[in-house]
C-alpha atoms as a PDB file:
ATOM      1  CA  MET A   1       0.176  -0.136  -0.085  1.00  0.00           C
ATOM      2  CA  ALA A   2       1.324   3.615  -1.002  1.00  0.00           C
ATOM      3  CA  THR A   3       2.223   5.913   2.039  1.00  0.00           C
ATOM      4  CA  ASN A   4       1.959   9.589   1.926  1.00  0.00           C
ATOM      5  CA  LEU A   5       5.022  11.041   1.923  1.00  0.00           C
ATOM      6  CA  PRO A   6       5.361  14.298   3.188  1.00  0.00           C
ATOM      7  CA  THR A   7       6.872  17.710   1.423  1.00  0.00           C
ATOM      8  CA  ALA A   8       9.266  19.886   2.481  1.00  0.00           C
ATOM      9  CA  GLU A   9       6.612  22.806   1.900  1.00  0.00           C
ATOM     10  CA  GLU A  10       4.060  21.044   4.631  1.00  0.00           C
ATOM     11  CA  ASN A  11       6.402  21.550   7.829  1.00  0.00           C
ATOM     12  CA  PHE A  12       4.311  19.607   9.845  1.00  0.00           C
ATOM     13  CA  CYS A  13       5.362  18.798  13.355  1.00  0.00           C
ATOM     14  CA  GLU A  14       5.282  14.802  14.162  1.00  0.00           C
ATOM     15  CA  ILE A  15       4.263  15.388  17.108  1.00  0.00           C
ATOM     16  CA  CYS A  16       0.661  17.106  16.493  1.00  0.00           C
ATOM     17  CA  ASN A  17       0.480  16.313  12.844  1.00  0.00           C
ATOM     18  CA  SER A  18      -0.126  19.783  12.581  1.00  0.00           C
ATOM     19  CA  ALA A  19       1.749  22.829  11.018  1.00  0.00           C
ATOM     20  CA  TYR A  20       4.635  24.255  13.227  1.00  0.00           C
ATOM     21  CA  THR A  21       3.295  26.735  16.126  1.00  0.00           C
ATOM     22  CA  SER A  22       6.820  28.450  17.760  1.00  0.00           C
ATOM     23  CA  PRO A  23       9.249  25.685  16.009  1.00  0.00           C
ATOM     24  CA  ARG A  24      12.491  24.783  18.077  1.00  0.00           C
ATOM     25  CA  LEU A  25      15.348  22.524  16.937  1.00  0.00           C
ATOM     26  CA  LEU A  26      16.666  20.368  19.169  1.00  0.00           C
ATOM     27  CA  ASP A  27      20.365  18.626  19.335  1.00  0.00           C
ATOM     28  CA  CYS A  28      19.397  15.818  17.255  1.00  0.00           C
ATOM     29  CA  PHE A  29      18.183  18.671  14.640  1.00  0.00           C
ATOM     30  CA  HIS A  30      14.846  17.084  14.711  1.00  0.00           C
ATOM     31  CA  ILE A  31      11.897  20.086  14.870  1.00  0.00           C
ATOM     32  CA  PHE A  32       8.694  20.007  17.073  1.00  0.00           C
ATOM     33  CA  CYS A  33       6.201  22.901  18.802  1.00  0.00           C
ATOM     34  CA  THR A  34       7.094  24.425  21.577  1.00  0.00           C
ATOM     35  CA  THR A  35       3.951  23.406  23.372  1.00  0.00           C
ATOM     36  CA  CYS A  36       4.676  19.529  21.930  1.00  0.00           C
ATOM     37  CA  LEU A  37       7.986  19.505  23.432  1.00  0.00           C
ATOM     38  CA  GLU A  38       7.205  21.141  27.246  1.00  0.00           C
ATOM     39  CA  LYS A  39       4.595  17.981  27.253  1.00  0.00           C
ATOM     40  CA  LEU A  40       7.265  15.594  26.575  1.00  0.00           C
ATOM     41  CA  ILE A  41       9.843  16.953  29.026  1.00  0.00           C
ATOM     42  CA  GLU A  42       6.905  17.487  31.484  1.00  0.00           C
ATOM     43  CA  GLY A  43       8.644  16.207  35.216  1.00  0.00           C
ATOM     44  CA  LYS A  44      11.529  14.664  33.112  1.00  0.00           C
ATOM     45  CA  GLN A  45      15.307  15.163  33.552  1.00  0.00           C
ATOM     46  CA  ILE A  46      16.197  13.065  30.093  1.00  0.00           C
ATOM     47  CA  PHE A  47      13.851  12.483  26.955  1.00  0.00           C
ATOM     48  CA  ARG A  48      13.952  10.705  24.050  1.00  0.00           C
ATOM     49  CA  CYS A  49      13.292  12.757  21.017  1.00  0.00           C
ATOM     50  CA  PRO A  50       9.742  10.590  19.236  1.00  0.00           C
ATOM     51  CA  LEU A  51      11.287  10.556  15.508  1.00  0.00           C
ATOM     52  CA  CYS A  52      15.282   9.244  16.308  1.00  0.00           C
ATOM     53  CA  ARG A  53      15.234   7.981  19.549  1.00  0.00           C
ATOM     54  CA  ARG A  54      17.964   9.621  21.175  1.00  0.00           C
ATOM     55  CA  ASP A  55      18.118  10.404  24.721  1.00  0.00           C
ATOM     56  CA  LEU A  56      18.028  14.199  25.049  1.00  0.00           C
ATOM     57  CA  PRO A  57      18.872  15.702  28.353  1.00  0.00           C
ATOM     58  CA  VAL A  58      16.226  18.831  29.328  1.00  0.00           C
ATOM     59  CA  PRO A  59      17.925  21.840  29.772  1.00  0.00           C
ATOM     60  CA  ILE A  60      17.629  23.856  33.109  1.00  0.00           C
ATOM     61  CA  GLU A  61      15.861  26.800  31.522  1.00  0.00           C
ATOM     62  CA  GLY A  62      13.351  24.901  29.919  1.00  0.00           C
ATOM     63  CA  ILE A  63      12.422  24.291  26.367  1.00  0.00           C
ATOM     64  CA  LYS A  64      12.457  28.251  25.585  1.00  0.00           C
ATOM     65  CA  SER A  65      16.199  27.887  26.375  1.00  0.00           C
ATOM     66  CA  VAL A  66      16.030  25.808  23.172  1.00  0.00           C
ATOM     67  CA  PRO A  67      16.681  27.343  19.711  1.00  0.00           C
ATOM     68  CA  PHE A  68      13.853  28.619  18.114  1.00  0.00           C
ATOM     69  CA  ILE A  69      13.413  28.397  14.067  1.00  0.00           C
ATOM     70  CA  PRO A  70      11.652  31.370  12.381  1.00  0.00           C
ATOM     71  CA  TYR A  71      12.392  29.889   8.951  1.00  0.00           C
ATOM     72  CA  THR A  72       9.811  27.072   9.335  1.00  0.00           C
ATOM     73  CA  THR A  73       6.406  29.054  10.172  1.00  0.00           C
ATOM     74  CA  LYS A  74       4.620  29.875   7.100  1.00  0.00           C
ATOM     75  CA  SER A  75       5.511  33.786   7.040  1.00  0.00           C
ATOM     76  CA  ASN A  76       8.371  35.625   8.337  1.00  0.00           C
ATOM     77  CA  SER A  77       6.184  38.480   8.916  1.00  0.00           C
ATOM     78  CA  VAL A  78       4.984  39.306  12.287  1.00  0.00           C
ATOM     79  CA  LYS A  79       1.887  37.812  12.933  1.00  0.00           C
ATOM     80  CA  LYS A  80      -1.325  39.601  12.259  1.00  0.00           C
ATOM     81  CA  ASN A  81      -4.057  36.580  12.956  1.00  0.00           C
ATOM     82  CA  GLU A  82      -6.747  38.832  14.593  1.00  0.00           C
ATOM     83  CA  THR A  83      -7.919  36.767  17.350  1.00  0.00           C
ATOM     84  CA  GLU A  84      -4.171  37.839  18.775  1.00  0.00           C
ATOM     85  CA  ARG A  85      -4.129  41.346  18.457  1.00  0.00           C
ATOM     86  CA  THR A  86      -3.839  42.236  21.962  1.00  0.00           C
ATOM     87  CA  CYS A  87      -0.685  42.191  24.376  1.00  0.00           C
ATOM     88  CA  GLU A  88      -0.202  38.442  25.217  1.00  0.00           C
ATOM     89  CA  MET A  89       1.152  40.435  28.657  1.00  0.00           C
ATOM     90  CA  CYS A  90      -0.947  42.267  30.138  1.00  0.00           C
ATOM     91  CA  ASP A  91      -4.363  42.363  27.658  1.00  0.00           C
ATOM     92  CA  GLU A  92      -3.476  46.315  26.638  1.00  0.00           C
ATOM     93  CA  ILE A  93      -5.325  46.267  22.763  1.00  0.00           C
ATOM     94  CA  GLU A  94      -2.483  48.712  20.887  1.00  0.00           C
ATOM     95  CA  ILE A  95       0.028  46.067  19.960  1.00  0.00           C
ATOM     96  CA  TYR A  96       3.282  47.744  19.365  1.00  0.00           C
ATOM     97  CA  SER A  97       5.832  44.676  18.789  1.00  0.00           C
ATOM     98  CA  ARG A  98       6.526  40.865  19.113  1.00  0.00           C
ATOM     99  CA  CYS A  99       9.347  39.232  21.092  1.00  0.00           C
ATOM    100  CA  ILE A 100      10.359  36.178  18.799  1.00  0.00           C
ATOM    101  CA  ASP A 101      11.752  33.975  22.483  1.00  0.00           C
ATOM    102  CA  CYS A 102       8.114  34.328  24.257  1.00  0.00           C
ATOM    103  CA  ASP A 103       6.391  34.389  20.942  1.00  0.00           C
ATOM    104  CA  GLN A 104       3.894  36.651  22.877  1.00  0.00           C
ATOM    105  CA  ASN A 105       2.391  40.172  21.095  1.00  0.00           C
ATOM    106  CA  MET A 106       3.277  43.155  23.094  1.00  0.00           C
ATOM    107  CA  CYS A 107       2.399  46.659  23.725  1.00  0.00           C
ATOM    108  CA  LYS A 108       4.396  49.471  24.330  1.00  0.00           C
ATOM    109  CA  SER A 109       5.156  48.959  28.113  1.00  0.00           C
ATOM    110  CA  CYS A 110       6.015  45.602  27.806  1.00  0.00           C
ATOM    111  CA  HIS A 111       8.194  46.134  25.173  1.00  0.00           C
ATOM    112  CA  ASP A 112       9.936  48.266  26.849  1.00  0.00           C
ATOM    113  CA  TYR A 113      10.338  46.971  29.921  1.00  0.00           C
ATOM    114  CA  HIS A 114      11.517  44.296  28.251  1.00  0.00           C
ATOM    115  CA  LEU A 115      14.472  46.331  26.816  1.00  0.00           C
ATOM    116  CA  ARG A 116      15.096  47.327  30.995  1.00  0.00           C
ATOM    117  CA  ASN A 117      14.969  43.570  32.571  1.00  0.00           C
ATOM    118  CA  LYS A 118      18.574  42.232  32.802  1.00  0.00           C
ATOM    119  CA  THR A 119      16.940  38.604  31.344  1.00  0.00           C
ATOM    120  CA  LEU A 120      14.223  39.798  28.927  1.00  0.00           C
ATOM    121  CA  ARG A 121      16.782  42.731  27.365  1.00  0.00           C
ATOM    122  CA  LYS A 122      18.566  39.632  25.339  1.00  0.00           C
ATOM    123  CA  HIS A 123      15.157  39.121  23.483  1.00  0.00           C
ATOM    124  CA  THR A 124      14.650  39.671  19.612  1.00  0.00           C
ATOM    125  CA  LEU A 125      11.649  42.007  19.511  1.00  0.00           C
ATOM    126  CA  VAL A 126      10.153  42.873  16.284  1.00  0.00           C
ATOM    127  CA  GLU A 127       8.659  46.342  15.654  1.00  0.00           C
ATOM    128  CA  GLU A 128       4.496  45.869  13.919  1.00  0.00           C
ATOM    129  CA  ASN A 129       5.204  45.583   9.991  1.00  0.00           C
ATOM    130  CA  THR A 130       8.704  44.750   9.953  1.00  0.00           C
ATOM    131  CA  GLU A 131      10.279  41.302   8.678  1.00  0.00           C
ATOM    132  CA  LEU A 132      11.711  38.589  11.310  1.00  0.00           C
ATOM    133  CA  PRO A 133      15.203  38.466  11.527  1.00  0.00           C
ATOM    134  CA  THR A 134      17.266  36.352   9.603  1.00  0.00           C
ATOM    135  CA  LYS A 135      20.364  34.379   9.589  1.00  0.00           C
ATOM    136  CA  GLN A 136      22.179  37.110   7.170  1.00  0.00           C
ATOM    137  CA  ASP A 137      21.372  39.826   9.867  1.00  0.00           C
ATOM    138  CA  LYS A 138      24.296  41.358  11.521  1.00  0.00           C
ATOM    139  CA  ILE A 139      24.696  39.574  15.547  1.00  0.00           C
ATOM    140  CA  ARG A 140      25.198  42.529  17.942  1.00  0.00           C
ATOM    141  CA  PRO A 141      27.395  42.853  20.005  1.00  0.00           C
ATOM    142  CA  GLU A 142      25.434  42.334  23.463  1.00  0.00           C
ATOM    143  CA  ASP A 143      24.032  39.144  21.910  1.00  0.00           C
ATOM    144  CA  MET A 144      27.044  37.112  21.912  1.00  0.00           C
ATOM    145  CA  GLN A 145      27.579  38.509  25.876  1.00  0.00           C
ATOM    146  CA  CYS A 146      26.162  36.766  29.016  1.00  0.00           C
ATOM    147  CA  GLY A 147      23.555  39.114  30.646  1.00  0.00           C
ATOM    148  CA  GLU A 148      23.866  38.436  33.844  1.00  0.00           C
ATOM    149  CA  HIS A 149      27.663  38.383  34.190  1.00  0.00           C
ATOM    150  CA  VAL A 150      27.870  41.074  30.993  1.00  0.00           C
ATOM    151  CA  LYS A 151      30.870  38.939  29.885  1.00  0.00           C
ATOM    152  CA  GLU A 152      31.694  37.451  26.229  1.00  0.00           C
ATOM    153  CA  PHE A 153      30.449  33.716  25.814  1.00  0.00           C
ATOM    154  CA  SER A 154      33.421  31.397  25.581  1.00  0.00           C
ATOM    155  CA  PHE A 155      31.780  28.319  26.077  1.00  0.00           C
ATOM    156  CA  TYR A 156      28.580  26.266  24.954  1.00  0.00           C
ATOM    157  CA  CYS A 157      26.590  23.877  27.261  1.00  0.00           C
ATOM    158  CA  LYS A 158      25.821  20.470  26.111  1.00  0.00           C
ATOM    159  CA  SER A 159      23.633  19.716  28.803  1.00  0.00           C
ATOM    160  CA  CYS A 160      21.547  22.889  28.718  1.00  0.00           C
ATOM    161  CA  ASN A 161      21.794  23.712  24.844  1.00  0.00           C
ATOM    162  CA  SER A 162      22.865  27.427  25.263  1.00  0.00           C
ATOM    163  CA  LEU A 163      26.528  29.409  25.636  1.00  0.00           C
ATOM    164  CA  ILE A 164      27.680  30.610  28.286  1.00  0.00           C
ATOM    165  CA  CYS A 165      30.474  33.010  29.949  1.00  0.00           C
ATOM    166  CA  LYS A 166      33.528  31.754  32.003  1.00  0.00           C
ATOM    167  CA  ASP A 167      32.005  32.895  35.427  1.00  0.00           C
ATOM    168  CA  CYS A 168      29.097  30.589  34.068  1.00  0.00           C
ATOM    169  CA  LYS A 169      30.853  27.814  33.230  1.00  0.00           C
ATOM    170  CA  GLU A 170      32.452  27.822  37.080  1.00  0.00           C
ATOM    171  CA  SER A 171      29.061  28.435  39.032  1.00  0.00           C
ATOM    172  CA  LYS A 172      25.380  26.987  37.919  1.00  0.00           C
ATOM    173  CA  HIS A 173      27.258  24.779  35.009  1.00  0.00           C
ATOM    174  CA  PHE A 174      30.254  23.422  36.758  1.00  0.00           C
ATOM    175  CA  LEU A 175      28.650  19.813  36.893  1.00  0.00           C
ATOM    176  CA  HIS A 176      27.658  20.361  32.936  1.00  0.00           C
ATOM    177  CA  LYS A 177      29.679  18.843  29.580  1.00  0.00           C
ATOM    178  CA  THR A 178      31.023  22.021  28.293  1.00  0.00           C
ATOM    179  CA  GLU A 179      33.148  22.997  25.288  1.00  0.00           C
ATOM    180  CA  TYR A 180      35.126  25.801  23.762  1.00  0.00           C
ATOM    181  CA  ILE A 181      32.670  27.690  21.333  1.00  0.00           C
ATOM    182  CA  ASP A 182      35.126  26.796  18.541  1.00  0.00           C
ATOM    183  CA  SER A 183      35.272  22.950  18.759  1.00  0.00           C
ATOM    184  CA  ALA A 184      31.138  23.058  19.600  1.00  0.00           C
ATOM    185  CA  VAL A 185      30.957  25.149  15.915  1.00  0.00           C
ATOM    186  CA  LYS A 186      32.961  22.727  14.643  1.00  0.00           C
ATOM    187  CA  ASP A 187      30.876  19.303  16.234  1.00  0.00           C
ATOM    188  CA  MET A 188      27.816  20.796  14.339  1.00  0.00           C
ATOM    189  CA  ASN A 189      28.795  21.361  11.181  1.00  0.00           C
ATOM    190  CA  LEU A 190      30.026  17.608  11.341  1.00  0.00           C
ATOM    191  CA  SER A 191      26.767  16.881  12.816  1.00  0.00           C
ATOM    192  CA  LEU A 192      25.195  18.522   9.947  1.00  0.00           C
ATOM    193  CA  THR A 193      27.257  16.805   7.163  1.00  0.00           C
ATOM    194  CA  SER A 194      26.135  13.794   8.671  1.00  0.00           C
ATOM    195  CA  VAL A 195      22.446  14.414   8.491  1.00  0.00           C
ATOM    196  CA  VAL A 196      22.487  16.176   5.195  1.00  0.00           C
ATOM    197  CA  THR A 197      24.467  13.303   3.626  1.00  0.00           C
ATOM    198  CA  SER A 198      22.324  10.742   5.687  1.00  0.00           C
ATOM    199  CA  LEU A 199      19.073  12.298   3.605  1.00  0.00           C
ATOM    200  CA  ASN A 200      20.917  12.555   0.172  1.00  0.00           C
ATOM    201  CA  SER A 201      21.579   8.729   0.524  1.00  0.00           C
ATOM    202  CA  LYS A 202      17.471   8.641   1.069  1.00  0.00           C
ATOM    203  CA  ILE A 203      16.467  10.682  -1.952  1.00  0.00           C
ATOM    204  CA  PRO A 204      16.759   7.879  -4.832  1.00  0.00           C
ATOM    205  CA  PHE A 205      14.481   5.557  -2.488  1.00  0.00           C
ATOM    206  CA  LEU A 206      12.026   7.716  -1.956  1.00  0.00           C
ATOM    207  CA  SER A 207      11.924   9.275  -5.490  1.00  0.00           C
ATOM    208  CA  ASN A 208      11.452   5.208  -6.306  1.00  0.00           C
ATOM    209  CA  THR A 209       8.823   4.302  -3.705  1.00  0.00           C
ATOM    210  CA  ILE A 210       6.751   7.757  -5.125  1.00  0.00           C
ATOM    211  CA  GLU A 211       7.163   6.415  -8.451  1.00  0.00           C
ATOM    212  CA  ASN A 212       6.073   3.038  -7.624  1.00  0.00           C
ATOM    213  CA  ALA A 213       2.860   4.623  -5.650  1.00  0.00           C
ATOM    214  CA  LYS A 214       1.994   6.580  -8.935  1.00  0.00           C
ATOM    215  CA  THR A 215       2.281   3.125 -11.046  1.00  0.00           C
ATOM    216  CA  GLU A 216       0.054   1.205  -8.417  1.00  0.00           C
ATOM    217  CA  LYS A 217      -2.292   4.028  -8.302  1.00  0.00           C
ATOM    218  CA  LYS A 218      -3.107   3.767 -12.090  1.00  0.00           C
ATOM    219  CA  GLU A 219      -3.000  -0.167 -12.498  1.00  0.00           C
ATOM    220  CA  ILE A 220      -5.584   0.231  -9.463  1.00  0.00           C
ATOM    221  CA  PRO A 221      -8.758   0.763 -12.448  1.00  0.00           C
ATOM    222  CA  ASP A 222      -7.475  -1.975 -14.613  1.00  0.00           C
ATOM    223  CA  THR A 223      -7.056  -4.524 -11.551  1.00  0.00           C
ATOM    224  CA  TYR A 224     -10.627  -4.018 -10.007  1.00  0.00           C
ATOM    225  CA  ARG A 225     -11.737  -4.321 -13.633  1.00  0.00           C
ATOM    226  CA  HIS A 226     -10.125  -7.430 -13.804  1.00  0.00           C
ATOM    227  CA  ASN A 227     -11.487  -8.853 -10.259  1.00  0.00           C
ATOM    228  CA  LYS A 228     -14.549  -8.111 -11.283  1.00  0.00           C
ATOM    229  CA  ASN A 229     -15.168  -9.864 -14.409  1.00  0.00           C
END
């Protein structure tokens, strides 16, 4: 029996079988909705990826610290859903911006509070009627600094999937698996290359499967008439 294969354009979450909502990228390079991941890790320290079955540590700061993937959504513009036209932090009607990290619309007051707050000011804020930041956008110097210690990121914490400074490494991350950022980038590049190679190797098989399914579909009427006679 032929199987319907999802296309790259569909962008469906494999957990809820719906279009991605606030998609996030796991260490194993599989993408799921934020809410789906929150349910998956609830009450756990280690969880298993539903696709590759790889065991992954639950970040100390929760799923919101896992990389957000804006380019998997249907549009790169700020959400215009009429049901979300109020500030999702204080219910003010007039929307000023959207926080990509919190995945929420905000009024001007909440936007300004984000900029003043020591932790929230690191978030990416997008004003109304503007485009979401892309990979080509220039990285600001403050984006590469620890908001807590105001020091440059120099390590990558594998346990939390986050960038940390030297002080972070020696304090709350001292028992975690960490490595220098340069080494982490090399490891990730190797992993990505491996994933791409693996996916490319499956293309001929999938193409053949699709062609066989098309052939079987065309033969169904003839088979039905033959059996009927």
